[in-house]
PDB file of N, CA and C in Angstrom:
ATOM      1  N   MET A   1      14.926   8.780  -5.494  1.00  0.00           N
ATOM      2  CA  MET A   1      14.512   9.059  -6.849  1.00  0.00           C
ATOM      3  C   MET A   1      15.705   8.873  -7.772  1.00  0.00           C
ATOM      4  N   SER A   2      15.478   8.234  -8.886  1.00  0.00           N
ATOM      5  CA  SER A   2      16.581   7.959  -9.803  1.00  0.00           C
ATOM      6  C   SER A   2      16.904   9.189 -10.649  1.00  0.00           C
ATOM      7  N   GLU A   3      18.060   9.129 -11.300  1.00  0.00           N
ATOM      8  CA  GLU A   3      18.468  10.221 -12.181  1.00  0.00           C
ATOM      9  C   GLU A   3      17.523  10.379 -13.354  1.00  0.00           C
ATOM     10  N   LEU A   4      16.860   9.295 -13.741  1.00  0.00           N
ATOM     11  CA  LEU A   4      15.990   9.324 -14.905  1.00  0.00           C
ATOM     12  C   LEU A   4      14.575   9.803 -14.579  1.00  0.00           C
ATOM     13  N   SER A   5      14.310  10.128 -13.325  1.00  0.00           N
ATOM     14  CA  SER A   5      12.983  10.582 -12.929  1.00  0.00           C
ATOM     15  C   SER A   5      12.668  11.929 -13.540  1.00  0.00           C
ATOM     16  N   LYS A   6      11.401  12.137 -13.827  1.00  0.00           N
ATOM     17  CA  LYS A   6      10.908  13.410 -14.338  1.00  0.00           C
ATOM     18  C   LYS A   6      10.011  14.035 -13.285  1.00  0.00           C
ATOM     19  N   ARG A   7      10.083  15.325 -13.182  1.00  0.00           N
ATOM     20  CA  ARG A   7       9.286  16.041 -12.198  1.00  0.00           C
ATOM     21  C   ARG A   7       7.965  16.466 -12.818  1.00  0.00           C
ATOM     22  N   SER A   8       6.885  16.344 -12.042  1.00  0.00           N
ATOM     23  CA  SER A   8       5.570  16.733 -12.520  1.00  0.00           C
ATOM     24  C   SER A   8       4.753  17.238 -11.342  1.00  0.00           C
ATOM     25  N   THR A   9       3.857  18.155 -11.603  1.00  0.00           N
ATOM     26  CA  THR A   9       2.965  18.648 -10.559  1.00  0.00           C
ATOM     27  C   THR A   9       1.612  17.991 -10.732  1.00  0.00           C
ATOM     28  N   VAL A  10       1.130  17.375  -9.670  1.00  0.00           N
ATOM     29  CA  VAL A  10      -0.168  16.705  -9.676  1.00  0.00           C
ATOM     30  C   VAL A  10      -0.964  17.254  -8.505  1.00  0.00           C
ATOM     31  N   TYR A  11      -2.221  17.576  -8.751  1.00  0.00           N
ATOM     32  CA  TYR A  11      -3.082  18.088  -7.695  1.00  0.00           C
ATOM     33  C   TYR A  11      -4.031  16.985  -7.239  1.00  0.00           C
ATOM     34  N   PHE A  12      -3.976  16.666  -5.943  1.00  0.00           N
ATOM     35  CA  PHE A  12      -4.832  15.635  -5.363  1.00  0.00           C
ATOM     36  C   PHE A  12      -5.899  16.270  -4.505  1.00  0.00           C
ATOM     37  N   GLU A  13      -7.034  15.607  -4.425  1.00  0.00           N
ATOM     38  CA  GLU A  13      -8.043  16.000  -3.450  1.00  0.00           C
ATOM     39  C   GLU A  13      -7.422  15.798  -2.069  1.00  0.00           C
ATOM     40  N   ALA A  14      -7.867  16.587  -1.103  1.00  0.00           N
ATOM     41  CA  ALA A  14      -7.277  16.562   0.240  1.00  0.00           C
ATOM     42  C   ALA A  14      -7.291  15.163   0.852  1.00  0.00           C
ATOM     43  N   GLU A  15      -8.406  14.442   0.670  1.00  0.00           N
ATOM     44  CA  GLU A  15      -8.520  13.110   1.272  1.00  0.00           C
ATOM     45  C   GLU A  15      -7.544  12.127   0.628  1.00  0.00           C
ATOM     46  N   ILE A  16      -7.365  12.234  -0.674  1.00  0.00           N
ATOM     47  CA  ILE A  16      -6.429  11.345  -1.368  1.00  0.00           C
ATOM     48  C   ILE A  16      -5.001  11.663  -0.945  1.00  0.00           C
ATOM     49  N   HIS A  17      -4.689  12.937  -0.835  1.00  0.00           N
ATOM     50  CA  HIS A  17      -3.338  13.323  -0.419  1.00  0.00           C
ATOM     51  C   HIS A  17      -3.039  12.811   0.986  1.00  0.00           C
ATOM     52  N   GLN A  18      -4.001  12.924   1.871  1.00  0.00           N
ATOM     53  CA  GLN A  18      -3.815  12.436   3.241  1.00  0.00           C
ATOM     54  C   GLN A  18      -3.604  10.920   3.236  1.00  0.00           C
ATOM     55  N   ALA A  19      -4.390  10.202   2.432  1.00  0.00           N
ATOM     56  CA  ALA A  19      -4.237   8.748   2.354  1.00  0.00           C
ATOM     57  C   ALA A  19      -2.867   8.380   1.795  1.00  0.00           C
ATOM     58  N   LEU A  20      -2.391   9.130   0.799  1.00  0.00           N
ATOM     59  CA  LEU A  20      -1.058   8.886   0.244  1.00  0.00           C
ATOM     60  C   LEU A  20       0.026   9.095   1.293  1.00  0.00           C
ATOM     61  N   ARG A  21      -0.103  10.157   2.052  1.00  0.00           N
ATOM     62  CA  ARG A  21       0.896  10.449   3.088  1.00  0.00           C
ATOM     63  C   ARG A  21       0.915   9.345   4.149  1.00  0.00           C
ATOM     64  N   ILE A  22      -0.261   8.870   4.540  1.00  0.00           N
ATOM     65  CA  ILE A  22      -0.340   7.791   5.536  1.00  0.00           C
ATOM     66  C   ILE A  22       0.267   6.512   4.977  1.00  0.00           C
ATOM     67  N   LYS A  23      -0.098   6.161   3.731  1.00  0.00           N
ATOM     68  CA  LYS A  23       0.452   4.944   3.106  1.00  0.00           C
ATOM     69  C   LYS A  23       1.970   5.049   2.996  1.00  0.00           C
ATOM     70  N   ALA A  24       2.456   6.206   2.587  1.00  0.00           N
ATOM     71  CA  ALA A  24       3.902   6.407   2.462  1.00  0.00           C
ATOM     72  C   ALA A  24       4.590   6.223   3.812  1.00  0.00           C
ATOM     73  N   ALA A  25       4.022   6.792   4.850  1.00  0.00           N
ATOM     74  CA  ALA A  25       4.628   6.689   6.178  1.00  0.00           C
ATOM     75  C   ALA A  25       4.616   5.257   6.696  1.00  0.00           C
ATOM     76  N   THR A  26       3.511   4.556   6.489  1.00  0.00           N
ATOM     77  CA  THR A  26       3.410   3.191   7.021  1.00  0.00           C
ATOM     78  C   THR A  26       4.233   2.184   6.232  1.00  0.00           C
ATOM     79  N   THR A  27       4.554   2.506   4.977  1.00  0.00           N
ATOM     80  CA  THR A  27       5.349   1.594   4.154  1.00  0.00           C
ATOM     81  C   THR A  27       6.803   2.052   4.014  1.00  0.00           C
ATOM     82  N   HIS A  28       7.146   3.127   4.724  1.00  0.00           N
ATOM     83  CA  HIS A  28       8.510   3.680   4.698  1.00  0.00           C
ATOM     84  C   HIS A  28       8.940   4.033   3.277  1.00  0.00           C
ATOM     85  N   GLN A  29       8.020   4.647   2.537  1.00  0.00           N
ATOM     86  CA  GLN A  29       8.288   5.102   1.179  1.00  0.00           C
ATOM     87  C   GLN A  29       7.961   6.586   1.100  1.00  0.00           C
ATOM     88  N   SER A  30       8.427   7.212   0.036  1.00  0.00           N
ATOM     89  CA  SER A  30       8.017   8.598  -0.209  1.00  0.00           C
ATOM     90  C   SER A  30       6.658   8.581  -0.907  1.00  0.00           C
ATOM     91  N   VAL A  31       5.978   9.719  -0.877  1.00  0.00           N
ATOM     92  CA  VAL A  31       4.717   9.836  -1.602  1.00  0.00           C
ATOM     93  C   VAL A  31       4.959   9.572  -3.079  1.00  0.00           C
ATOM     94  N   SER A  32       6.058  10.055  -3.622  1.00  0.00           N
ATOM     95  CA  SER A  32       6.385   9.812  -5.034  1.00  0.00           C
ATOM     96  C   SER A  32       6.496   8.328  -5.335  1.00  0.00           C
ATOM     97  N   GLU A  33       7.124   7.566  -4.445  1.00  0.00           N
ATOM     98  CA  GLU A  33       7.257   6.126  -4.661  1.00  0.00           C
ATOM     99  C   GLU A  33       5.897   5.436  -4.654  1.00  0.00           C
ATOM    100  N   VAL A  34       5.021   5.850  -3.741  1.00  0.00           N
ATOM    101  CA  VAL A  34       3.679   5.265  -3.664  1.00  0.00           C
ATOM    102  C   VAL A  34       2.903   5.586  -4.940  1.00  0.00           C
ATOM    103  N   VAL A  35       2.966   6.833  -5.393  1.00  0.00           N
ATOM    104  CA  VAL A  35       2.253   7.241  -6.598  1.00  0.00           C
ATOM    105  C   VAL A  35       2.816   6.515  -7.820  1.00  0.00           C
ATOM    106  N   ASN A  36       4.135   6.438  -7.939  1.00  0.00           N
ATOM    107  CA  ASN A  36       4.751   5.733  -9.070  1.00  0.00           C
ATOM    108  C   ASN A  36       4.295   4.286  -9.124  1.00  0.00           C
ATOM    109  N   GLU A  37       4.268   3.628  -7.978  1.00  0.00           N
ATOM    110  CA  GLU A  37       3.846   2.229  -7.932  1.00  0.00           C
ATOM    111  C   GLU A  37       2.387   2.085  -8.365  1.00  0.00           C
ATOM    112  N   ALA A  38       1.522   2.968  -7.871  1.00  0.00           N
ATOM    113  CA  ALA A  38       0.096   2.906  -8.216  1.00  0.00           C
ATOM    114  C   ALA A  38      -0.117   3.154  -9.709  1.00  0.00           C
ATOM    115  N   VAL A  39       0.591   4.114 -10.260  1.00  0.00           N
ATOM    116  CA  VAL A  39       0.462   4.411 -11.689  1.00  0.00           C
ATOM    117  C   VAL A  39       0.992   3.251 -12.524  1.00  0.00           C
ATOM    118  N   ARG A  40       2.114   2.678 -12.098  1.00  0.00           N
ATOM    119  CA  ARG A  40       2.697   1.533 -12.814  1.00  0.00           C
ATOM    120  C   ARG A  40       1.706   0.370 -12.861  1.00  0.00           C
ATOM    121  N   VAL A  41       1.060   0.084 -11.738  1.00  0.00           N
ATOM    122  CA  VAL A  41       0.077  -1.007 -11.679  1.00  0.00           C
ATOM    123  C   VAL A  41      -1.117  -0.691 -12.581  1.00  0.00           C
ATOM    124  N   ALA A  42      -1.626   0.521 -12.506  1.00  0.00           N
ATOM    125  CA  ALA A  42      -2.778   0.906 -13.332  1.00  0.00           C
ATOM    126  C   ALA A  42      -2.448   0.809 -14.813  1.00  0.00           C
ATOM    127  N   LEU A  43      -1.265   1.265 -15.198  1.00  0.00           N
ATOM    128  CA  LEU A  43      -0.877   1.205 -16.607  1.00  0.00           C
ATOM    129  C   LEU A  43      -0.673  -0.233 -17.080  1.00  0.00           C
ATOM    130  N   SER A  44      -0.131  -1.084 -16.219  1.00  0.00           N
ATOM    131  CA  SER A  44       0.063  -2.477 -16.633  1.00  0.00           C
ATOM    132  C   SER A  44      -1.285  -3.178 -16.787  1.00  0.00           C
ATOM    133  N   GLU A  45      -2.256  -2.827 -15.938  1.00  0.00           N
ATOM    134  CA  GLU A  45      -3.601  -3.398 -16.088  1.00  0.00           C
ATOM    135  C   GLU A  45      -4.223  -2.926 -17.398  1.00  0.00           C
ATOM    136  N   ASP A  46      -4.035  -1.648 -17.735  1.00  0.00           N
ATOM    137  CA  ASP A  46      -4.535  -1.134 -19.010  1.00  0.00           C
ATOM    138  C   ASP A  46      -3.883  -1.869 -20.163  1.00  0.00           C
ATOM    139  N   GLN A  47      -2.587  -2.116 -20.057  1.00  0.00           N
ATOM    140  CA  GLN A  47      -1.862  -2.808 -21.125  1.00  0.00           C
ATOM    141  C   GLN A  47      -2.409  -4.220 -21.314  1.00  0.00           C
ATOM    142  N   GLU A  48      -2.706  -4.904 -20.209  1.00  0.00           N
ATOM    143  CA  GLU A  48      -3.281  -6.248 -20.292  1.00  0.00           C
ATOM    144  C   GLU A  48      -4.645  -6.199 -20.969  1.00  0.00           C
ATOM    145  N   ASP A  49      -5.454  -5.189 -20.614  1.00  0.00           N
ATOM    146  CA  ASP A  49      -6.770  -5.035 -21.237  1.00  0.00           C
ATOM    147  C   ASP A  49      -6.631  -4.779 -22.732  1.00  0.00           C
ATOM    148  N   LEU A  50      -5.678  -3.930 -23.115  1.00  0.00           N
ATOM    149  CA  LEU A  50      -5.476  -3.620 -24.523  1.00  0.00           C
ATOM    150  C   LEU A  50      -5.031  -4.846 -25.311  1.00  0.00           C
ATOM    151  N   LYS A  51      -4.157  -5.665 -24.710  1.00  0.00           N
ATOM    152  CA  LYS A  51      -3.723  -6.890 -25.376  1.00  0.00           C
ATOM    153  C   LYS A  51      -4.900  -7.832 -25.586  1.00  0.00           C
ATOM    154  N   ALA A  52      -5.727  -7.981 -24.557  1.00  0.00           N
ATOM    155  CA  ALA A  52      -6.883  -8.870 -24.656  1.00  0.00           C
ATOM    156  C   ALA A  52      -7.850  -8.358 -25.714  1.00  0.00           C
ATOM    157  N   PHE A  53      -8.082  -7.059 -25.745  1.00  0.00           N
ATOM    158  CA  PHE A  53      -8.990  -6.481 -26.727  1.00  0.00           C
ATOM    159  C   PHE A  53      -8.446  -6.673 -28.139  1.00  0.00           C
ATOM    160  N   SER A  54      -7.164  -6.451 -28.302  1.00  0.00           N
ATOM    161  CA  SER A  54      -6.530  -6.621 -29.609  1.00  0.00           C
ATOM    162  C   SER A  54      -6.663  -8.062 -30.078  1.00  0.00           C
ATOM    163  N   HIS A  55      -6.459  -8.992 -29.173  1.00  0.00           N
ATOM    164  CA  HIS A  55      -6.571 -10.420 -29.493  1.00  0.00           C
ATOM    165  C   HIS A  55      -8.005 -10.748 -29.920  1.00  0.00           C
ATOM    166  N   MET A  56      -8.982 -10.213 -29.172  1.00  0.00           N
ATOM    167  CA  MET A  56     -10.387 -10.473 -29.501  1.00  0.00           C
ATOM    168  C   MET A  56     -10.752  -9.823 -30.829  1.00  0.00           C
ATOM    169  N   ALA A  57     -10.200  -8.660 -31.115  1.00  0.00           N
ATOM    170  CA  ALA A  57     -10.523  -7.960 -32.363  1.00  0.00           C
ATOM    171  C   ALA A  57     -10.087  -8.780 -33.574  1.00  0.00           C
ATOM    172  N   LYS A  58      -8.953  -9.465 -33.488  1.00  0.00           N
ATOM    173  CA  LYS A  58      -8.489 -10.300 -34.600  1.00  0.00           C
ATOM    174  C   LYS A  58      -9.523 -11.370 -34.920  1.00  0.00           C
ATOM    175  N   TYR A  59     -10.009 -12.048 -33.891  1.00  0.00           N
ATOM    176  CA  TYR A  59     -10.967 -13.121 -34.101  1.00  0.00           C
ATOM    177  C   TYR A  59     -12.316 -12.577 -34.517  1.00  0.00           C
ATOM    178  N   SER A  60     -12.659 -11.379 -34.059  1.00  0.00           N
ATOM    179  CA  SER A  60     -13.919 -10.764 -34.431  1.00  0.00           C
ATOM    180  C   SER A  60     -13.948 -10.492 -35.934  1.00  0.00           C
ATOM    181  N   HIS A  61     -12.829  -9.973 -36.480  1.00  0.00           N
ATOM    182  CA  HIS A  61     -12.757  -9.718 -37.917  1.00  0.00           C
ATOM    183  C   HIS A  61     -12.870 -11.025 -38.702  1.00  0.00           C
ATOM    184  N   ALA A  62     -12.213 -12.052 -38.246  1.00  0.00           N
ATOM    185  CA  ALA A  62     -12.271 -13.350 -38.926  1.00  0.00           C
ATOM    186  C   ALA A  62     -13.688 -13.910 -38.878  1.00  0.00           C
ATOM    187  N   PHE A  63     -14.353 -13.742 -37.733  1.00  0.00           N
ATOM    188  CA  PHE A  63     -15.720 -14.244 -37.575  1.00  0.00           C
ATOM    189  C   PHE A  63     -16.667 -13.488 -38.509  1.00  0.00           C
ATOM    190  N   LYS A  64     -16.521 -12.164 -38.563  1.00  0.00           N
ATOM    191  CA  LYS A  64     -17.365 -11.372 -39.468  1.00  0.00           C
ATOM    192  C   LYS A  64     -17.134 -11.782 -40.918  1.00  0.00           C
ATOM    193  N   TYR A  65     -15.905 -12.038 -41.280  1.00  0.00           N
ATOM    194  CA  TYR A  65     -15.584 -12.464 -42.641  1.00  0.00           C
ATOM    195  C   TYR A  65     -16.303 -13.774 -42.958  1.00  0.00           C
ATOM    196  N   MET A  66     -16.266 -14.706 -41.999  1.00  0.00           N
ATOM    197  CA  MET A  66     -16.919 -15.996 -42.214  1.00  0.00           C
ATOM    198  C   MET A  66     -18.421 -15.818 -42.387  1.00  0.00           C
ATOM    199  N   LEU A  67     -19.024 -14.913 -41.617  1.00  0.00           N
ATOM    200  CA  LEU A  67     -20.462 -14.718 -41.673  1.00  0.00           C
ATOM    201  C   LEU A  67     -20.907 -14.061 -42.975  1.00  0.00           C
ATOM    202  N   PHE A  68     -20.183 -13.046 -43.405  1.00  0.00           N
ATOM    203  CA  PHE A  68     -20.663 -12.231 -44.517  1.00  0.00           C
ATOM    204  C   PHE A  68     -20.027 -12.560 -45.860  1.00  0.00           C
ATOM    205  N   CYS A  69     -18.974 -13.335 -45.882  1.00  0.00           N
ATOM    206  CA  CYS A  69     -18.288 -13.615 -47.138  1.00  0.00           C
ATOM    207  C   CYS A  69     -18.467 -15.055 -47.602  1.00  0.00           C
ATOM    208  N   THR A  70     -19.305 -15.795 -46.939  1.00  0.00           N
ATOM    209  CA  THR A  70     -19.511 -17.183 -47.371  1.00  0.00           C
ATOM    210  C   THR A  70     -20.878 -17.358 -47.963  1.00  0.00           C
TER     211      THR A  70
END
């Protein structure tokens, strides 16, 4: 864990916790490393979705303008 890490308490369902422990053991990582990686991937996917939505929203406004202002 790096010096910049922050500590947090997270409660997992028993089955998820067991799966995390198994994944950590089989990949020679800590549970924290597995969770950090999963959260990082999920957040980057959200960021990609937000960028795509933002891009579509720009064109949507332009399209509405063309429809209603001409």
